[in-house]
Amino acid sequence: MDAETLKYNAAQDPEHARVCDLLAQEIDRGLPDAKNKVWHAHPVWFIDGNPIVGYSKQKPGIRLMFWSGADFGEPSLDVLGKKFRDASVFFNAVAGVDTSDLQRWLAQAREIQWDYKNIVRRKGRLERLPPSSGRRPAPDP
């Protein structure tokens, strides 16, 4: 895990820091080939330069966001983006994080991706990436 992500987590209040630490550990476990860095002031994981998942502190709590999550068909990811294909869920305590749900979402995030990496070049137009194109398979649970 990136040192800046650890620093971000430690800067949160104690319960939110525990949520962030759990999310980071589970994301690293579910997407071991993803690269993690702090991007636009919060931790984000990328596969082949494409943002996949990240979290940030917001008023309602820690927002876990999947860039392509609107296409997962998951009712728990109920905060849908208005402009792009993102979906989110908020957590305020470790007890609220269902790690089996999270691992399922991460597996979907590997398979269902919109090409955010090239959105500027395409002048704001998103294109869906083919499933697993050039991406390693998900690890066994």
C-alpha atoms as a PDB file:
ATOM      1  CA  MET A   1       0.000   0.000   0.000  1.00  0.00           C
ATOM      2  CA  ASP A   2       1.235   3.469  -0.868  1.00  0.00           C
ATOM      3  CA  ALA A   3       2.738   5.475   2.019  1.00  0.00           C
ATOM      4  CA  GLU A   4       0.478   8.433   1.175  1.00  0.00           C
ATOM      5  CA  THR A   5      -2.575   6.176   1.572  1.00  0.00           C
ATOM      6  CA  LEU A   6      -1.381   5.158   5.037  1.00  0.00           C
ATOM      7  CA  LYS A   7      -0.899   8.837   5.876  1.00  0.00           C
ATOM      8  CA  TYR A   8      -4.407   9.662   4.572  1.00  0.00           C
ATOM      9  CA  ASN A   9      -5.940   6.894   6.703  1.00  0.00           C
ATOM     10  CA  ALA A  10      -4.064   7.981   9.832  1.00  0.00           C
ATOM     11  CA  ALA A  11      -5.315  11.568   9.409  1.00  0.00           C
ATOM     12  CA  GLN A  12      -8.962  10.481   9.871  1.00  0.00           C
ATOM     13  CA  ASP A  13     -10.772  10.329  13.210  1.00  0.00           C
ATOM     14  CA  PRO A  14     -10.155   6.947  14.922  1.00  0.00           C
ATOM     15  CA  GLU A  15     -13.256   5.064  13.707  1.00  0.00           C
ATOM     16  CA  HIS A  16     -12.982   6.398  10.154  1.00  0.00           C
ATOM     17  CA  ALA A  17      -9.264   5.532  10.172  1.00  0.00           C
ATOM     18  CA  ARG A  18     -10.186   1.932  11.028  1.00  0.00           C
ATOM     19  CA  VAL A  19     -12.733   1.915   8.164  1.00  0.00           C
ATOM     20  CA  CYS A  20     -10.103   3.274   5.759  1.00  0.00           C
ATOM     21  CA  ASP A  21      -7.518   0.717   6.895  1.00  0.00           C
ATOM     22  CA  LEU A  22     -10.009  -2.139   6.420  1.00  0.00           C
ATOM     23  CA  LEU A  23     -11.064  -0.884   2.982  1.00  0.00           C
ATOM     24  CA  ALA A  24      -7.425  -0.511   1.873  1.00  0.00           C
ATOM     25  CA  GLN A  25      -6.521  -4.016   3.084  1.00  0.00           C
ATOM     26  CA  GLU A  26      -9.553  -5.565   1.368  1.00  0.00           C
ATOM     27  CA  ILE A  27      -8.937  -3.655  -1.868  1.00  0.00           C
ATOM     28  CA  ASP A  28      -5.293  -4.778  -1.877  1.00  0.00           C
ATOM     29  CA  ARG A  29      -6.453  -8.364  -1.293  1.00  0.00           C
ATOM     30  CA  GLY A  30      -9.141  -8.246  -4.002  1.00  0.00           C
ATOM     31  CA  LEU A  31      -7.084  -6.338  -6.580  1.00  0.00           C
ATOM     32  CA  PRO A  32      -3.474  -7.380  -5.880  1.00  0.00           C
ATOM     33  CA  ASP A  33      -2.286  -6.184  -9.305  1.00  0.00           C
ATOM     34  CA  ALA A  34      -3.839  -2.717  -8.923  1.00  0.00           C
ATOM     35  CA  LYS A  35      -1.584   0.266  -8.301  1.00  0.00           C
ATOM     36  CA  ASN A  36      -2.523   2.459  -5.346  1.00  0.00           C
ATOM     37  CA  LYS A  37      -1.786   6.158  -4.933  1.00  0.00           C
ATOM     38  CA  VAL A  38      -3.371   9.281  -3.525  1.00  0.00           C
ATOM     39  CA  TRP A  39      -5.045  10.964  -6.489  1.00  0.00           C
ATOM     40  CA  HIS A  40      -7.050  14.188  -6.230  1.00  0.00           C
ATOM     41  CA  ALA A  41      -6.390  14.098  -2.457  1.00  0.00           C
ATOM     42  CA  HIS A  42      -7.756  10.600  -1.723  1.00  0.00           C
ATOM     43  CA  PRO A  43      -6.642   6.957  -2.134  1.00  0.00           C
ATOM     44  CA  VAL A  44      -7.427   5.354  -5.505  1.00  0.00           C
ATOM     45  CA  TRP A  45      -6.516   1.990  -7.052  1.00  0.00           C
ATOM     46  CA  PHE A  46      -5.783   1.733 -10.793  1.00  0.00           C
ATOM     47  CA  ILE A  47      -5.554  -1.171 -13.233  1.00  0.00           C
ATOM     48  CA  ASP A  48      -3.556  -0.360 -16.359  1.00  0.00           C
ATOM     49  CA  GLY A  49      -3.817   3.345 -15.520  1.00  0.00           C
ATOM     50  CA  ASN A  50      -7.619   3.230 -15.270  1.00  0.00           C
ATOM     51  CA  PRO A  51      -9.143   4.286 -11.908  1.00  0.00           C
ATOM     52  CA  ILE A  52     -11.127   1.407 -10.421  1.00  0.00           C
ATOM     53  CA  VAL A  53     -11.956   2.101  -6.773  1.00  0.00           C
ATOM     54  CA  GLY A  54     -11.168   4.672  -4.116  1.00  0.00           C
ATOM     55  CA  TYR A  55     -12.446   6.202  -0.927  1.00  0.00           C
ATOM     56  CA  SER A  56     -12.698   9.640   0.574  1.00  0.00           C
ATOM     57  CA  LYS A  57     -13.904  11.357   3.731  1.00  0.00           C
ATOM     58  CA  GLN A  58     -17.153  13.249   3.158  1.00  0.00           C
ATOM     59  CA  LYS A  59     -19.847  14.636   5.472  1.00  0.00           C
ATOM     60  CA  PRO A  60     -21.916  11.403   5.532  1.00  0.00           C
ATOM     61  CA  GLY A  61     -18.803   9.281   6.267  1.00  0.00           C
ATOM     62  CA  ILE A  62     -16.180   7.380   4.292  1.00  0.00           C
ATOM     63  CA  ARG A  63     -17.362   7.130   0.699  1.00  0.00           C
ATOM     64  CA  LEU A  64     -16.231   4.004  -1.135  1.00  0.00           C
ATOM     65  CA  MET A  65     -16.553   4.704  -4.853  1.00  0.00           C
ATOM     66  CA  PHE A  66     -16.306   2.383  -7.825  1.00  0.00           C
ATOM     67  CA  TRP A  67     -15.703   4.279 -11.058  1.00  0.00           C
ATOM     68  CA  SER A  68     -17.794   1.788 -13.074  1.00  0.00           C
ATOM     69  CA  GLY A  69     -20.078   0.699 -10.217  1.00  0.00           C
ATOM     70  CA  ALA A  70     -23.357   1.863 -11.769  1.00  0.00           C
ATOM     71  CA  ASP A  71     -23.149  -1.218 -14.001  1.00  0.00           C
ATOM     72  CA  PHE A  72     -22.619  -3.739 -11.190  1.00  0.00           C
ATOM     73  CA  GLY A  73     -26.354  -4.155 -10.521  1.00  0.00           C
ATOM     74  CA  GLU A  74     -25.726  -3.913  -6.783  1.00  0.00           C
ATOM     75  CA  PRO A  75     -28.510  -2.254  -4.763  1.00  0.00           C
ATOM     76  CA  SER A  76     -26.109  -1.575  -1.862  1.00  0.00           C
ATOM     77  CA  LEU A  77     -24.104   0.742  -4.114  1.00  0.00           C
ATOM     78  CA  ASP A  78     -26.923   3.233  -4.026  1.00  0.00           C
ATOM     79  CA  VAL A  79     -25.184   6.576  -4.511  1.00  0.00           C
ATOM     80  CA  LEU A  80     -24.995   6.814  -8.287  1.00  0.00           C
ATOM     81  CA  GLY A  81     -23.001   9.447 -10.077  1.00  0.00           C
ATOM     82  CA  LYS A  82     -24.915  11.845 -12.279  1.00  0.00           C
ATOM     83  CA  LYS A  83     -22.392  12.405 -15.053  1.00  0.00           C
ATOM     84  CA  PHE A  84     -20.353   9.206 -15.213  1.00  0.00           C
ATOM     85  CA  ARG A  85     -20.794   5.462 -14.432  1.00  0.00           C
ATOM     86  CA  ASP A  86     -19.727   5.595 -10.763  1.00  0.00           C
ATOM     87  CA  ALA A  87     -21.535   4.219  -7.728  1.00  0.00           C
ATOM     88  CA  SER A  88     -20.763   4.520  -4.035  1.00  0.00           C
ATOM     89  CA  VAL A  89     -21.616   3.499  -0.529  1.00  0.00           C
ATOM     90  CA  PHE A  90     -20.856   5.244   2.782  1.00  0.00           C
ATOM     91  CA  PHE A  91     -19.403   3.715   5.943  1.00  0.00           C
ATOM     92  CA  ASN A  92     -19.068   5.169   9.436  1.00  0.00           C
ATOM     93  CA  ALA A  93     -17.873   2.084  11.320  1.00  0.00           C
ATOM     94  CA  VAL A  94     -15.923  -1.089  10.586  1.00  0.00           C
ATOM     95  CA  ALA A  95     -19.003  -3.094  11.625  1.00  0.00           C
ATOM     96  CA  GLY A  96     -20.850  -1.637   8.628  1.00  0.00           C
ATOM     97  CA  VAL A  97     -18.371  -3.053   6.104  1.00  0.00           C
ATOM     98  CA  ASP A  98     -19.424  -6.449   4.765  1.00  0.00           C
ATOM     99  CA  THR A  99     -16.153  -7.811   3.392  1.00  0.00           C
ATOM    100  CA  SER A 100     -17.881 -10.492   1.306  1.00  0.00           C
ATOM    101  CA  ASP A 101     -19.908  -7.761  -0.440  1.00  0.00           C
ATOM    102  CA  LEU A 102     -16.740  -5.742  -0.883  1.00  0.00           C
ATOM    103  CA  GLN A 103     -14.859  -8.662  -2.450  1.00  0.00           C
ATOM    104  CA  ARG A 104     -17.783  -9.298  -4.827  1.00  0.00           C
ATOM    105  CA  TRP A 105     -17.790  -5.634  -5.842  1.00  0.00           C
ATOM    106  CA  LEU A 106     -14.027  -5.746  -6.408  1.00  0.00           C
ATOM    107  CA  ALA A 107     -14.396  -8.807  -8.659  1.00  0.00           C
ATOM    108  CA  GLN A 108     -17.040  -6.920 -10.642  1.00  0.00           C
ATOM    109  CA  ALA A 109     -14.781  -3.855 -10.768  1.00  0.00           C
ATOM    110  CA  ARG A 110     -12.108  -5.963 -12.448  1.00  0.00           C
ATOM    111  CA  GLU A 111     -14.554  -7.200 -15.106  1.00  0.00           C
ATOM    112  CA  ILE A 112     -16.752  -4.132 -15.635  1.00  0.00           C
ATOM    113  CA  GLN A 113     -14.683  -1.111 -16.540  1.00  0.00           C
ATOM    114  CA  TRP A 114     -15.308   2.082 -18.429  1.00  0.00           C
ATOM    115  CA  ASP A 115     -12.234   3.729 -19.926  1.00  0.00           C
ATOM    116  CA  TYR A 116     -11.678   6.727 -17.669  1.00  0.00           C
ATOM    117  CA  LYS A 117      -7.973   6.753 -18.514  1.00  0.00           C
ATOM    118  CA  ASN A 118      -8.724   8.155 -21.986  1.00  0.00           C
ATOM    119  CA  ILE A 119     -11.744  10.324 -21.169  1.00  0.00           C
ATOM    120  CA  VAL A 120      -9.885  13.586 -21.838  1.00  0.00           C
ATOM    121  CA  ARG A 121      -8.583  12.358 -25.190  1.00  0.00           C
ATOM    122  CA  ARG A 122     -12.144  11.339 -26.089  1.00  0.00           C
ATOM    123  CA  LYS A 123     -13.489  14.750 -25.023  1.00  0.00           C
ATOM    124  CA  GLY A 124     -15.573  13.423 -22.128  1.00  0.00           C
ATOM    125  CA  ARG A 125     -16.979  10.373 -23.910  1.00  0.00           C
ATOM    126  CA  LEU A 126     -16.697   7.092 -22.003  1.00  0.00           C
ATOM    127  CA  GLU A 127     -16.221   3.738 -23.714  1.00  0.00           C
ATOM    128  CA  ARG A 128     -16.691   0.369 -22.059  1.00  0.00           C
ATOM    129  CA  LEU A 129     -13.586  -1.806 -21.940  1.00  0.00           C
ATOM    130  CA  PRO A 130     -13.968  -5.452 -22.980  1.00  0.00           C
ATOM    131  CA  PRO A 131     -14.118  -7.821 -19.985  1.00  0.00           C
ATOM    132  CA  SER A 132     -10.675  -8.769 -18.684  1.00  0.00           C
ATOM    133  CA  SER A 133      -8.914  -7.308 -21.713  1.00  0.00           C
ATOM    134  CA  GLY A 134      -5.280  -7.484 -20.684  1.00  0.00           C
ATOM    135  CA  ARG A 135      -6.210  -7.746 -17.002  1.00  0.00           C
ATOM    136  CA  ARG A 136      -5.164 -10.603 -14.789  1.00  0.00           C
ATOM    137  CA  PRO A 137      -7.933 -12.848 -13.443  1.00  0.00           C
ATOM    138  CA  ALA A 138      -9.334 -12.199  -9.993  1.00  0.00           C
ATOM    139  CA  PRO A 139      -7.623 -14.105  -7.175  1.00  0.00           C
ATOM    140  CA  ASP A 140      -9.372 -16.998  -5.493  1.00  0.00           C
ATOM    141  CA  PRO A 141     -11.306 -15.816  -2.399  1.00  0.00           C
END
